Amino acid sequence: MNGEANCLAALIEEKRGAGRVICSWINKPMSLSALAERAGLNPSSENYRGCSEEEAKWIGCRVIACSLADDDPLVPEATANEIVDSFLSQSGSAATQYYTNGEFRFIGGTSYLSRWRKVTPEKMSCGILVFCKSSCGVLWIADQFQSAEKPG
């Protein structure tokens, strides 16, 4: 994990006050499976779907701003957007591909994580994998720990 991403991970953990955060950039190209495995996610590419840049930014903001389990607001949307923009700016070049494991539904003006592929030990997790020409990054949030106690 590079220093700037490490600081973002700490900031996200502080602001959210819940869940586990995975936030890093690798300064070399990697395959989807290799990046997922390096981040501690299930490496099977079948767990992820491609998404647009706009959707990836929205998902990044959404998983920071709200609890995945019950949609409770945790971080102001403007703050979450700033964090995602800062994360994406670390790439050094324009991203070419984005992936996620989740799908969201909108009901009554509210969105919630409706379907996801389990890629962490936690019950719920979602985020984005970002691929650029010479680097790749991961911004992931895992909520609802399986044990009764939250780690660390």
Protein backbone atom coordinates (compact mmCIF):
# COMPACT_ATOMS: atom_id res chain seq x y z
CA MET A 1 0.00 0.00 0.00
CA ASN A 2 1.46 3.37 -0.87
CA GLY A 3 1.63 6.16 1.70
CA GLU A 4 -1.16 8.31 0.28
CA ALA A 5 -3.55 5.35 -0.01
CA ASN A 6 -2.61 4.32 3.53
CA CYS A 7 -3.60 7.79 4.75
CA LEU A 8 -6.89 7.55 2.84
CA ALA A 9 -7.62 4.16 4.41
CA ALA A 10 -7.05 5.63 7.88
CA LEU A 11 -9.25 8.63 7.02
CA ILE A 12 -12.06 6.37 5.75
CA GLU A 13 -11.85 4.20 8.88
CA GLU A 14 -11.97 7.31 11.09
CA LYS A 15 -14.90 8.90 9.23
CA ARG A 16 -16.98 5.70 8.87
CA GLY A 17 -16.32 4.35 12.35
CA ALA A 18 -17.40 0.92 11.11
CA GLY A 19 -16.21 -1.82 8.78
CA ARG A 20 -12.85 -2.82 7.37
CA VAL A 21 -11.21 -0.69 4.69
CA ILE A 22 -8.93 -1.89 1.90
CA CYS A 23 -7.39 1.01 0.00
CA SER A 24 -4.22 0.73 -2.09
CA TRP A 25 -2.50 1.50 -5.38
CA ILE A 26 0.05 -0.75 -7.02
CA ASN A 27 2.45 1.00 -9.38
CA LYS A 28 2.46 -1.74 -12.00
CA PRO A 29 -0.16 -3.35 -14.19
CA MET A 30 -1.80 -6.50 -12.83
CA SER A 31 -4.60 -8.82 -13.84
CA LEU A 32 -7.97 -8.61 -12.12
CA SER A 33 -7.31 -11.88 -10.29
CA ALA A 34 -3.83 -10.80 -9.17
CA LEU A 35 -5.04 -7.44 -7.82
CA ALA A 36 -7.99 -9.04 -6.01
CA GLU A 37 -5.73 -11.65 -4.42
CA ARG A 38 -3.14 -9.03 -3.40
CA ALA A 39 -5.93 -7.02 -1.74
CA GLY A 40 -7.16 -10.07 0.19
CA LEU A 41 -10.27 -10.49 -1.94
CA ASN A 42 -11.42 -13.69 -3.62
CA PRO A 43 -9.36 -13.77 -6.83
CA SER A 44 -11.92 -15.48 -9.08
CA SER A 45 -12.77 -13.06 -11.88
CA GLU A 46 -16.31 -14.51 -11.94
CA ASN A 47 -16.99 -12.49 -8.75
CA TYR A 48 -16.59 -9.13 -10.50
CA ARG A 49 -18.37 -7.23 -13.23
CA GLY A 50 -17.16 -4.36 -15.34
CA CYS A 51 -18.68 -0.94 -14.75
CA SER A 52 -18.35 2.58 -16.12
CA GLU A 53 -16.18 5.29 -14.60
CA GLU A 54 -19.30 7.14 -13.46
CA GLU A 55 -20.71 4.04 -11.76
CA ALA A 56 -17.34 3.22 -10.17
CA LYS A 57 -17.11 6.73 -8.68
CA TRP A 58 -20.69 6.45 -7.42
CA ILE A 59 -20.04 3.02 -5.86
CA GLY A 60 -16.83 4.25 -4.22
CA CYS A 61 -18.71 7.17 -2.71
CA ARG A 62 -21.67 5.02 -1.68
CA VAL A 63 -19.67 2.37 0.18
CA ILE A 64 -17.79 5.07 2.10
CA ALA A 65 -20.87 7.17 2.88
CA CYS A 66 -23.29 4.48 4.08
CA SER A 67 -23.40 1.19 5.94
CA LEU A 68 -23.67 -1.69 3.51
CA ALA A 69 -25.93 -3.63 5.84
CA ASP A 70 -28.67 -1.15 6.63
CA ASP A 71 -27.96 1.96 4.54
CA ASP A 72 -27.32 4.12 7.62
CA PRO A 73 -25.43 7.29 6.72
CA LEU A 74 -21.89 7.27 8.14
CA VAL A 75 -20.03 9.99 6.19
CA PRO A 76 -21.40 13.10 4.47
CA GLU A 77 -21.73 12.52 0.72
CA ALA A 78 -19.53 15.52 -0.12
CA THR A 79 -16.73 14.13 2.09
CA ALA A 80 -17.08 10.66 0.54
CA ASN A 81 -16.88 12.20 -2.96
CA GLU A 82 -13.69 14.07 -2.02
CA ILE A 83 -12.13 10.84 -0.72
CA VAL A 84 -13.01 8.93 -3.91
CA ASP A 85 -11.66 11.75 -6.10
CA SER A 86 -8.44 11.74 -4.07
CA PHE A 87 -8.17 7.95 -4.40
CA LEU A 88 -8.68 8.03 -8.17
CA SER A 89 -6.21 10.89 -8.61
CA GLN A 90 -3.42 8.63 -7.27
CA SER A 91 -3.41 6.58 -10.46
CA GLY A 92 -1.14 8.95 -12.31
CA SER A 93 -3.00 8.23 -15.54
CA ALA A 94 -6.54 7.86 -16.78
CA ALA A 95 -8.20 4.63 -15.72
CA THR A 96 -9.25 2.31 -18.49
CA GLN A 97 -11.26 -0.35 -16.66
CA TYR A 98 -13.34 -0.52 -13.51
CA TYR A 99 -14.81 -3.55 -11.72
CA THR A 100 -17.07 -4.17 -8.73
CA ASN A 101 -18.81 -7.11 -7.08
CA GLY A 102 -22.06 -5.35 -6.23
CA GLU A 103 -25.34 -4.18 -7.64
CA PHE A 104 -27.46 -1.44 -6.13
CA ARG A 105 -31.20 -0.80 -6.28
CA PHE A 106 -32.98 2.50 -5.92
CA ILE A 107 -36.29 2.61 -4.06
CA GLY A 108 -37.99 5.79 -2.94
CA GLY A 109 -34.93 7.93 -3.57
CA THR A 110 -32.70 5.63 -1.53
CA SER A 111 -30.14 3.16 -2.80
CA TYR A 112 -29.10 -0.08 -1.20
CA LEU A 113 -26.75 -2.93 -1.98
CA SER A 114 -29.17 -5.48 -3.40
CA ARG A 115 -26.82 -8.16 -4.66
CA TRP A 116 -23.13 -8.87 -4.30
CA ARG A 117 -20.62 -11.64 -4.68
CA LYS A 118 -18.96 -12.61 -1.40
CA VAL A 119 -15.25 -11.90 -1.78
CA THR A 120 -14.20 -11.29 1.87
CA PRO A 121 -14.73 -13.15 5.16
CA GLU A 122 -17.25 -10.48 6.19
CA LYS A 123 -20.93 -10.96 5.39
CA MET A 124 -21.06 -7.90 3.12
CA SER A 125 -18.40 -6.10 1.13
CA CYS A 126 -18.29 -3.93 -1.93
CA GLY A 127 -15.91 -1.58 -3.66
CA ILE A 128 -14.05 -0.87 -6.86
CA LEU A 129 -11.03 -2.26 -8.63
CA VAL A 130 -9.41 0.28 -10.96
CA PHE A 131 -7.01 -0.49 -13.80
CA CYS A 132 -4.79 2.03 -15.57
CA LYS A 133 -2.05 1.59 -18.15
CA SER A 134 0.74 1.37 -15.57
CA SER A 135 -1.01 0.98 -12.20
CA CYS A 136 -4.07 -0.45 -10.49
CA GLY A 137 -5.96 0.27 -7.31
CA VAL A 138 -8.55 -1.10 -4.94
CA LEU A 139 -11.02 0.75 -2.72
CA TRP A 140 -13.09 -1.75 -0.74
CA ILE A 141 -15.31 -1.70 2.34
CA ALA A 142 -16.29 -4.81 4.30
CA ASP A 143 -19.17 -4.55 6.81
CA GLN A 144 -20.94 -6.91 9.20
CA PHE A 145 -18.17 -9.04 10.63
CA GLN A 146 -18.95 -12.70 11.07
CA SER A 147 -17.79 -12.85 14.66
CA ALA A 148 -19.54 -11.01 17.48
CA GLU A 149 -16.51 -8.75 17.88
CA LYS A 150 -15.17 -6.28 15.38
CA PRO A 151 -11.43 -6.74 14.76
CA GLY A 152 -8.94 -4.12 15.98
